[in-house]
Amino acid sequence: MSAVTPATAYLLSLSGLRGVGPAALRQVAQAPDFLDEPLEALGRRIPKIQKALDEDQAWENAEAFARRQEDQAEDAGARILSSLDDEYPELLRKTTDAPFFCTSGGVWPRTPTTRWR
């Protein structure tokens, strides 16, 4: 089992760029075809990303960061979820300050419950 979906892997790499946080990641994710968008075009659309990409070896370092995160999750038997993933907890998604990423070592219930089992 892979620790991340392709979309989450790409967004995780972007999160490794200096100055790119949840707000910029949400901007990226709003485009339905962001996985097909060239990195240069993404930089033109989102200035924070362009600024980060201007640093020497920025994208290579960001990809290495994401690979380390993925490897650590896989070694722990966990997955990294982004708010784009179907498995991302619905109650968490509805909060105003929901994290863009979360990790899961198990399976989140599809329907939120209000009591512990």
C-alpha atoms as a PDB file:
ATOM      1  CA  MET A   1       0.000   0.000   0.000  1.00  0.00           C
ATOM      2  CA  SER A   2       1.325   3.420  -0.921  1.00  0.00           C
ATOM      3  CA  ALA A   3       1.598   5.966   1.865  1.00  0.00           C
ATOM      4  CA  VAL A   4       0.156   8.738  -0.338  1.00  0.00           C
ATOM      5  CA  THR A   5      -1.950   9.381  -3.425  1.00  0.00           C
ATOM      6  CA  PRO A   6      -0.254  11.046  -6.428  1.00  0.00           C
ATOM      7  CA  ALA A   7      -2.021  14.361  -5.729  1.00  0.00           C
ATOM      8  CA  THR A   8      -1.002  14.305  -2.079  1.00  0.00           C
ATOM      9  CA  ALA A   9       2.590  13.393  -3.000  1.00  0.00           C
ATOM     10  CA  TYR A  10       2.807  16.415  -5.311  1.00  0.00           C
ATOM     11  CA  LEU A  11       1.261  18.734  -2.728  1.00  0.00           C
ATOM     12  CA  LEU A  12       3.588  17.339  -0.073  1.00  0.00           C
ATOM     13  CA  SER A  13       6.522  18.249  -2.329  1.00  0.00           C
ATOM     14  CA  LEU A  14       5.138  21.759  -2.770  1.00  0.00           C
ATOM     15  CA  SER A  15       4.808  22.060   1.009  1.00  0.00           C
ATOM     16  CA  GLY A  16       8.554  21.472   1.214  1.00  0.00           C
ATOM     17  CA  LEU A  17       9.192  24.776  -0.565  1.00  0.00           C
ATOM     18  CA  ARG A  18      10.140  27.677   1.684  1.00  0.00           C
ATOM     19  CA  GLY A  19       7.123  29.913   2.378  1.00  0.00           C
ATOM     20  CA  VAL A  20       4.545  27.571   0.854  1.00  0.00           C
ATOM     21  CA  GLY A  21       1.905  26.785   3.461  1.00  0.00           C
ATOM     22  CA  PRO A  22      -1.726  25.716   3.631  1.00  0.00           C
ATOM     23  CA  ALA A  23      -3.088  28.845   1.914  1.00  0.00           C
ATOM     24  CA  ALA A  24      -0.867  28.368  -1.144  1.00  0.00           C
ATOM     25  CA  LEU A  25      -1.583  24.633  -1.213  1.00  0.00           C
ATOM     26  CA  ARG A  26      -5.320  25.338  -1.198  1.00  0.00           C
ATOM     27  CA  GLN A  27      -4.818  27.697  -4.154  1.00  0.00           C
ATOM     28  CA  VAL A  28      -3.011  24.944  -6.036  1.00  0.00           C
ATOM     29  CA  ALA A  29      -5.654  22.357  -5.201  1.00  0.00           C
ATOM     30  CA  GLN A  30      -8.505  24.567  -6.453  1.00  0.00           C
ATOM     31  CA  ALA A  31      -7.412  23.983 -10.042  1.00  0.00           C
ATOM     32  CA  PRO A  32      -8.973  20.701 -11.193  1.00  0.00           C
ATOM     33  CA  ASP A  33      -5.990  19.838 -13.404  1.00  0.00           C
ATOM     34  CA  PHE A  34      -3.158  21.023 -11.136  1.00  0.00           C
ATOM     35  CA  LEU A  35      -1.294  17.722 -11.554  1.00  0.00           C
ATOM     36  CA  ASP A  36      -0.972  18.424 -15.277  1.00  0.00           C
ATOM     37  CA  GLU A  37       0.027  22.074 -14.820  1.00  0.00           C
ATOM     38  CA  PRO A  38       3.737  22.675 -15.487  1.00  0.00           C
ATOM     39  CA  LEU A  39       5.627  23.825 -12.403  1.00  0.00           C
ATOM     40  CA  GLU A  40       6.569  27.070 -14.173  1.00  0.00           C
ATOM     41  CA  ALA A  41       2.906  27.862 -14.867  1.00  0.00           C
ATOM     42  CA  LEU A  42       2.045  27.082 -11.272  1.00  0.00           C
ATOM     43  CA  GLY A  43       4.731  29.525 -10.182  1.00  0.00           C
ATOM     44  CA  ARG A  44       3.276  32.244 -12.408  1.00  0.00           C
ATOM     45  CA  ARG A  45      -0.177  31.619 -10.953  1.00  0.00           C
ATOM     46  CA  ILE A  46       0.969  31.574  -7.318  1.00  0.00           C
ATOM     47  CA  PRO A  47       3.782  34.062  -6.599  1.00  0.00           C
ATOM     48  CA  LYS A  48       4.840  32.396  -3.311  1.00  0.00           C
ATOM     49  CA  ILE A  49       5.660  29.253  -5.232  1.00  0.00           C
ATOM     50  CA  GLN A  50       7.644  31.173  -7.848  1.00  0.00           C
ATOM     51  CA  LYS A  51       9.605  32.970  -5.144  1.00  0.00           C
ATOM     52  CA  ALA A  52      10.424  29.649  -3.488  1.00  0.00           C
ATOM     53  CA  LEU A  53      11.409  28.040  -6.807  1.00  0.00           C
ATOM     54  CA  ASP A  54      13.864  30.865  -7.472  1.00  0.00           C
ATOM     55  CA  GLU A  55      16.105  29.472  -4.721  1.00  0.00           C
ATOM     56  CA  ASP A  56      18.911  27.153  -5.836  1.00  0.00           C
ATOM     57  CA  GLN A  57      17.906  23.450  -5.745  1.00  0.00           C
ATOM     58  CA  ALA A  58      14.516  24.347  -4.223  1.00  0.00           C
ATOM     59  CA  TRP A  59      12.422  21.811  -6.116  1.00  0.00           C
ATOM     60  CA  GLU A  60      14.959  19.014  -5.717  1.00  0.00           C
ATOM     61  CA  ASN A  61      15.104  19.670  -1.959  1.00  0.00           C
ATOM     62  CA  ALA A  62      11.306  19.816  -1.717  1.00  0.00           C
ATOM     63  CA  GLU A  63      10.950  16.493  -3.521  1.00  0.00           C
ATOM     64  CA  ALA A  64      13.557  14.927  -1.219  1.00  0.00           C
ATOM     65  CA  PHE A  65      11.618  16.276   1.788  1.00  0.00           C
ATOM     66  CA  ALA A  66       8.407  14.682   0.495  1.00  0.00           C
ATOM     67  CA  ARG A  67      10.134  11.344  -0.179  1.00  0.00           C
ATOM     68  CA  ARG A  68      11.466  11.293   3.395  1.00  0.00           C
ATOM     69  CA  GLN A  69       7.971  11.989   4.732  1.00  0.00           C
ATOM     70  CA  GLU A  70       6.489   9.234   2.569  1.00  0.00           C
ATOM     71  CA  ASP A  71       9.197   6.743   3.599  1.00  0.00           C
ATOM     72  CA  GLN A  72       8.683   7.510   7.281  1.00  0.00           C
ATOM     73  CA  ALA A  73       4.928   7.064   6.950  1.00  0.00           C
ATOM     74  CA  GLU A  74       5.344   3.792   5.090  1.00  0.00           C
ATOM     75  CA  ASP A  75       7.870   2.499   7.658  1.00  0.00           C
ATOM     76  CA  ALA A  76       5.362   3.304  10.411  1.00  0.00           C
ATOM     77  CA  GLY A  77       2.508   1.618   8.549  1.00  0.00           C
ATOM     78  CA  ALA A  78       0.765   4.967   8.208  1.00  0.00           C
ATOM     79  CA  ARG A  79      -0.564   7.029   5.340  1.00  0.00           C
ATOM     80  CA  ILE A  80      -0.367  10.732   4.668  1.00  0.00           C
ATOM     81  CA  LEU A  81      -3.716  12.216   3.696  1.00  0.00           C
ATOM     82  CA  SER A  82      -4.395  15.620   2.191  1.00  0.00           C
ATOM     83  CA  SER A  83      -7.711  17.397   2.280  1.00  0.00           C
ATOM     84  CA  LEU A  84      -8.209  16.203  -1.318  1.00  0.00           C
ATOM     85  CA  ASP A  85      -8.245  12.539  -0.336  1.00  0.00           C
ATOM     86  CA  ASP A  86     -11.589  10.794   0.123  1.00  0.00           C
ATOM     87  CA  GLU A  87     -10.284   9.225   3.337  1.00  0.00           C
ATOM     88  CA  TYR A  88      -9.556  12.623   4.930  1.00  0.00           C
ATOM     89  CA  PRO A  89     -11.816  12.847   8.021  1.00  0.00           C
ATOM     90  CA  GLU A  90     -15.026  14.704   7.185  1.00  0.00           C
ATOM     91  CA  LEU A  91     -15.342  16.362  10.599  1.00  0.00           C
ATOM     92  CA  LEU A  92     -11.777  17.615  10.344  1.00  0.00           C
ATOM     93  CA  ARG A  93     -12.418  18.878   6.799  1.00  0.00           C
ATOM     94  CA  LYS A  94     -15.320  20.987   8.115  1.00  0.00           C
ATOM     95  CA  THR A  95     -13.269  22.849  10.718  1.00  0.00           C
ATOM     96  CA  THR A  96     -12.122  26.356   9.865  1.00  0.00           C
ATOM     97  CA  ASP A  97      -8.488  25.598  10.671  1.00  0.00           C
ATOM     98  CA  ALA A  98      -8.239  22.061   9.289  1.00  0.00           C
ATOM     99  CA  PRO A  99      -4.683  20.984   8.553  1.00  0.00           C
ATOM    100  CA  PHE A 100      -3.950  20.409   4.893  1.00  0.00           C
ATOM    101  CA  PHE A 101      -2.255  17.095   5.732  1.00  0.00           C
ATOM    102  CA  CYS A 102      -2.848  14.492   8.411  1.00  0.00           C
ATOM    103  CA  THR A 103      -1.523  11.002   8.993  1.00  0.00           C
ATOM    104  CA  SER A 104      -3.488   7.859   9.616  1.00  0.00           C
ATOM    105  CA  GLY A 105      -2.304   4.562  10.953  1.00  0.00           C
ATOM    106  CA  GLY A 106      -5.692   2.977  10.455  1.00  0.00           C
ATOM    107  CA  VAL A 107      -8.969   3.561   8.689  1.00  0.00           C
ATOM    108  CA  TRP A 108     -11.105   6.627   9.399  1.00  0.00           C
ATOM    109  CA  PRO A 109     -14.829   5.923   9.640  1.00  0.00           C
ATOM    110  CA  ARG A 110     -16.698   7.049   6.522  1.00  0.00           C
ATOM    111  CA  THR A 111     -19.538   8.453   8.660  1.00  0.00           C
ATOM    112  CA  PRO A 112     -18.599  10.572  11.657  1.00  0.00           C
ATOM    113  CA  THR A 113     -19.797   9.254  14.973  1.00  0.00           C
ATOM    114  CA  THR A 114     -20.401  11.091  18.194  1.00  0.00           C
ATOM    115  CA  ARG A 115     -19.573   8.269  20.574  1.00  0.00           C
ATOM    116  CA  TRP A 116     -16.492   6.194  21.186  1.00  0.00           C
ATOM    117  CA  ARG A 117     -16.529   2.507  20.393  1.00  0.00           C
END
